[in-house]
């Protein structure tokens, strides 16, 4: 787990108060106990993310992906999604 040449951590969560608190605790545990930092935090649902990010510092690189009604099913839809991230 500590060999950063072979291991990285990406955390995926909903940007809501309880999951966001849990993410902060996971990051704290990874740093303090295991001596590693997550490489990326991914959250879906940009409306709530904006509210949370105004009042909380996000301690790692992060991406906010809009909540989708259905997963992308074509290259065009994937390209369109990448422009929103």
N, C-alpha and C. Protein backbone atom coordinates (compact mmCIF):
# COMPACT_ATOMS: atom_id res chain seq x y z
N UNK A 1 0.80 -1.20 0.00
CA UNK A 1 0.00 0.00 0.00
C UNK A 1 0.85 1.26 0.00
N UNK A 2 2.03 1.21 0.55
CA UNK A 2 2.84 2.41 0.66
C UNK A 2 3.78 2.62 -0.52
N UNK A 3 3.90 1.63 -1.41
CA UNK A 3 4.78 1.76 -2.56
C UNK A 3 4.08 2.59 -3.63
N UNK A 4 4.40 3.88 -3.68
CA UNK A 4 3.70 4.79 -4.58
C UNK A 4 4.07 4.57 -6.04
N UNK A 5 5.11 3.77 -6.31
CA UNK A 5 5.42 3.42 -7.69
C UNK A 5 4.41 2.40 -8.23
N UNK A 6 3.78 1.66 -7.32
CA UNK A 6 2.84 0.62 -7.74
C UNK A 6 1.40 0.88 -7.30
N UNK A 7 1.20 1.84 -6.41
CA UNK A 7 -0.12 2.04 -5.83
C UNK A 7 -0.49 3.51 -5.82
N UNK A 8 -1.72 3.80 -6.16
CA UNK A 8 -2.26 5.15 -5.97
C UNK A 8 -3.70 5.01 -5.51
N UNK A 9 -4.23 6.06 -4.97
CA UNK A 9 -5.57 6.03 -4.42
C UNK A 9 -6.43 7.08 -5.09
N UNK A 10 -7.59 6.65 -5.56
CA UNK A 10 -8.59 7.56 -6.11
C UNK A 10 -9.85 7.33 -5.29
N UNK A 11 -10.37 8.39 -4.73
CA UNK A 11 -11.57 8.30 -3.91
C UNK A 11 -12.75 8.83 -4.73
N UNK A 12 -13.82 8.06 -4.76
CA UNK A 12 -15.03 8.46 -5.48
C UNK A 12 -16.15 8.58 -4.46
N UNK A 13 -16.85 9.74 -4.47
CA UNK A 13 -17.89 9.97 -3.47
C UNK A 13 -18.95 10.92 -3.99
N UNK A 14 -20.10 10.88 -3.35
CA UNK A 14 -21.13 11.88 -3.60
C UNK A 14 -20.76 13.14 -2.82
N UNK A 15 -20.91 14.32 -3.41
CA UNK A 15 -20.56 15.55 -2.69
C UNK A 15 -21.70 15.99 -1.77
N UNK A 16 -21.93 15.22 -0.74
CA UNK A 16 -22.95 15.53 0.26
C UNK A 16 -22.24 15.60 1.60
N UNK A 17 -22.83 16.25 2.59
CA UNK A 17 -22.12 16.45 3.86
C UNK A 17 -21.56 15.19 4.49
N UNK A 18 -22.34 14.12 4.66
CA UNK A 18 -21.82 12.92 5.33
C UNK A 18 -20.74 12.22 4.50
N UNK A 19 -20.97 11.93 3.21
CA UNK A 19 -19.88 11.32 2.43
C UNK A 19 -18.64 12.21 2.38
N UNK A 20 -18.83 13.53 2.33
CA UNK A 20 -17.68 14.42 2.29
C UNK A 20 -16.89 14.34 3.59
N UNK A 21 -17.58 14.28 4.72
CA UNK A 21 -16.91 14.10 6.01
C UNK A 21 -16.13 12.78 6.02
N UNK A 22 -16.76 11.72 5.52
CA UNK A 22 -16.09 10.41 5.48
C UNK A 22 -14.85 10.46 4.59
N UNK A 23 -14.93 11.17 3.47
CA UNK A 23 -13.77 11.32 2.59
C UNK A 23 -12.64 12.01 3.33
N UNK A 24 -12.95 13.07 4.06
CA UNK A 24 -11.91 13.77 4.81
C UNK A 24 -11.26 12.85 5.84
N UNK A 25 -12.04 11.98 6.48
CA UNK A 25 -11.49 11.03 7.44
C UNK A 25 -10.62 9.97 6.75
N UNK A 26 -11.04 9.52 5.58
CA UNK A 26 -10.22 8.56 4.81
C UNK A 26 -8.89 9.19 4.44
N UNK A 27 -8.93 10.43 3.95
CA UNK A 27 -7.70 11.13 3.58
C UNK A 27 -6.79 11.27 4.80
N UNK A 28 -7.36 11.65 5.93
CA UNK A 28 -6.58 11.79 7.16
C UNK A 28 -5.92 10.47 7.55
N UNK A 29 -6.68 9.37 7.48
CA UNK A 29 -6.13 8.05 7.81
C UNK A 29 -5.02 7.65 6.85
N UNK A 30 -5.25 7.84 5.56
CA UNK A 30 -4.21 7.50 4.58
C UNK A 30 -2.92 8.28 4.86
N UNK A 31 -3.06 9.56 5.19
CA UNK A 31 -1.88 10.39 5.44
C UNK A 31 -1.19 10.04 6.75
N UNK A 32 -1.95 10.00 7.83
CA UNK A 32 -1.36 9.86 9.16
C UNK A 32 -0.92 8.43 9.48
N UNK A 33 -1.68 7.45 9.08
CA UNK A 33 -1.36 6.07 9.43
C UNK A 33 -0.50 5.40 8.37
N UNK A 34 -0.84 5.64 7.10
CA UNK A 34 -0.14 4.95 6.02
C UNK A 34 0.90 5.81 5.31
N UNK A 35 0.91 7.11 5.57
CA UNK A 35 1.91 7.99 4.97
C UNK A 35 1.75 8.21 3.47
N UNK A 36 0.52 8.10 2.96
CA UNK A 36 0.28 8.31 1.53
C UNK A 36 -0.85 9.32 1.34
N UNK A 37 -0.87 9.93 0.17
CA UNK A 37 -1.92 10.87 -0.19
C UNK A 37 -2.74 10.31 -1.34
N UNK A 38 -4.05 10.50 -1.31
CA UNK A 38 -4.83 10.10 -2.47
C UNK A 38 -4.40 10.93 -3.68
N UNK A 39 -4.45 10.30 -4.85
CA UNK A 39 -4.07 11.02 -6.06
C UNK A 39 -5.18 11.88 -6.60
N UNK A 40 -6.44 11.49 -6.32
CA UNK A 40 -7.56 12.21 -6.92
C UNK A 40 -8.83 11.92 -6.13
N UNK A 41 -9.66 12.92 -6.03
CA UNK A 41 -10.99 12.79 -5.45
C UNK A 41 -11.99 13.12 -6.54
N UNK A 42 -12.91 12.20 -6.81
CA UNK A 42 -13.93 12.40 -7.85
C UNK A 42 -15.29 12.45 -7.17
N UNK A 43 -16.05 13.50 -7.51
CA UNK A 43 -17.40 13.63 -6.97
C UNK A 43 -18.38 13.91 -8.09
N UNK A 44 -19.57 13.37 -7.98
CA UNK A 44 -20.60 13.62 -8.99
C UNK A 44 -21.69 14.50 -8.39
N UNK A 45 -22.30 15.31 -9.24
CA UNK A 45 -23.36 16.20 -8.77
C UNK A 45 -22.84 17.58 -8.44
N UNK A 46 -22.55 18.37 -9.43
CA UNK A 46 -21.83 19.63 -9.26
C UNK A 46 -22.57 20.65 -8.41
N UNK A 47 -23.91 20.63 -8.36
CA UNK A 47 -24.63 21.63 -7.59
C UNK A 47 -24.27 21.57 -6.11
N UNK A 48 -24.30 20.39 -5.54
CA UNK A 48 -23.97 20.22 -4.13
C UNK A 48 -22.48 20.46 -3.90
N UNK A 49 -21.65 20.03 -4.85
CA UNK A 49 -20.20 20.23 -4.73
C UNK A 49 -19.88 21.71 -4.57
N UNK A 50 -20.53 22.58 -5.34
CA UNK A 50 -20.27 24.02 -5.24
C UNK A 50 -20.56 24.52 -3.83
N UNK A 51 -21.64 24.06 -3.24
CA UNK A 51 -21.99 24.48 -1.88
C UNK A 51 -20.95 24.00 -0.88
N UNK A 52 -20.55 22.74 -0.98
CA UNK A 52 -19.57 22.18 -0.04
C UNK A 52 -18.22 22.86 -0.21
N UNK A 53 -17.78 23.07 -1.46
CA UNK A 53 -16.44 23.61 -1.69
C UNK A 53 -16.33 25.06 -1.22
N UNK A 54 -17.45 25.78 -1.11
CA UNK A 54 -17.41 27.14 -0.59
C UNK A 54 -17.06 27.17 0.89
N UNK A 55 -17.48 26.15 1.63
CA UNK A 55 -17.28 26.17 3.07
C UNK A 55 -16.19 25.22 3.55
N UNK A 56 -15.66 24.38 2.68
CA UNK A 56 -14.67 23.38 3.08
C UNK A 56 -13.48 23.41 2.13
N UNK A 57 -12.32 23.23 2.69
CA UNK A 57 -11.14 23.07 1.85
C UNK A 57 -11.07 21.63 1.37
N UNK A 58 -10.86 21.46 0.08
CA UNK A 58 -10.72 20.11 -0.48
C UNK A 58 -9.23 19.81 -0.51
N UNK A 59 -8.77 18.85 0.30
CA UNK A 59 -7.34 18.67 0.54
C UNK A 59 -6.55 17.90 -0.53
N UNK A 60 -7.17 17.52 -1.64
CA UNK A 60 -6.46 16.79 -2.69
C UNK A 60 -6.95 17.28 -4.05
N UNK A 61 -6.22 16.88 -5.12
CA UNK A 61 -6.71 17.17 -6.46
C UNK A 61 -8.10 16.57 -6.60
N UNK A 62 -8.97 17.28 -7.27
CA UNK A 62 -10.34 16.78 -7.36
C UNK A 62 -10.97 17.12 -8.71
N UNK A 63 -11.95 16.34 -9.05
CA UNK A 63 -12.75 16.56 -10.25
C UNK A 63 -14.20 16.43 -9.86
N UNK A 64 -15.01 17.32 -10.38
CA UNK A 64 -16.44 17.24 -10.13
C UNK A 64 -17.13 16.92 -11.44
N UNK A 65 -17.83 15.82 -11.46
CA UNK A 65 -18.49 15.33 -12.67
C UNK A 65 -19.99 15.52 -12.49
N UNK A 66 -20.66 16.14 -13.46
CA UNK A 66 -22.10 16.31 -13.30
C UNK A 66 -22.82 14.97 -13.21
N UNK A 67 -23.86 14.95 -12.40
CA UNK A 67 -24.65 13.74 -12.25
C UNK A 67 -25.36 13.45 -13.57
N UNK A 68 -25.21 12.24 -14.07
CA UNK A 68 -25.77 11.88 -15.37
C UNK A 68 -27.02 11.03 -15.20
N UNK A 69 -27.98 11.23 -16.08
CA UNK A 69 -29.18 10.38 -16.08
C UNK A 69 -28.86 8.99 -16.58
N UNK A 70 -27.90 8.89 -17.51
CA UNK A 70 -27.47 7.60 -18.04
C UNK A 70 -25.99 7.70 -18.39
N UNK A 71 -25.27 6.60 -18.36
CA UNK A 71 -23.84 6.64 -18.70
C UNK A 71 -23.66 6.97 -20.18
N UNK A 72 -22.51 7.57 -20.53
CA UNK A 72 -22.26 7.85 -21.95
C UNK A 72 -22.23 6.55 -22.75
N UNK A 73 -22.84 6.57 -23.92
CA UNK A 73 -22.90 5.35 -24.73
C UNK A 73 -22.26 5.52 -26.10
N UNK A 74 -21.63 6.66 -26.33
CA UNK A 74 -20.95 6.87 -27.60
C UNK A 74 -19.71 7.71 -27.36
N UNK A 75 -18.80 7.68 -28.30
CA UNK A 75 -17.60 8.50 -28.19
C UNK A 75 -17.96 9.98 -28.11
N UNK A 76 -18.96 10.39 -28.87
CA UNK A 76 -19.41 11.78 -28.84
C UNK A 76 -19.85 12.17 -27.42
N UNK A 77 -20.62 11.30 -26.76
CA UNK A 77 -21.08 11.59 -25.40
C UNK A 77 -19.92 11.63 -24.40
N UNK A 78 -18.93 10.77 -24.57
CA UNK A 78 -17.75 10.79 -23.71
C UNK A 78 -16.99 12.09 -23.91
N UNK A 79 -16.80 12.50 -25.15
CA UNK A 79 -16.11 13.77 -25.44
C UNK A 79 -16.87 14.95 -24.84
N UNK A 80 -18.20 14.93 -24.95
CA UNK A 80 -19.01 16.00 -24.37
C UNK A 80 -18.85 16.03 -22.85
N UNK A 81 -18.80 14.87 -22.22
CA UNK A 81 -18.63 14.80 -20.77
C UNK A 81 -17.27 15.36 -20.36
N UNK A 82 -16.22 15.06 -21.10
CA UNK A 82 -14.89 15.55 -20.73
C UNK A 82 -14.82 17.07 -20.78
N UNK A 83 -15.63 17.70 -21.58
CA UNK A 83 -15.64 19.16 -21.64
C UNK A 83 -16.30 19.78 -20.41
N UNK A 84 -17.08 19.01 -19.67
CA UNK A 84 -17.76 19.55 -18.49
C UNK A 84 -16.97 19.34 -17.21
N UNK A 85 -15.92 18.56 -17.27
CA UNK A 85 -15.14 18.24 -16.06
C UNK A 85 -14.09 19.31 -15.83
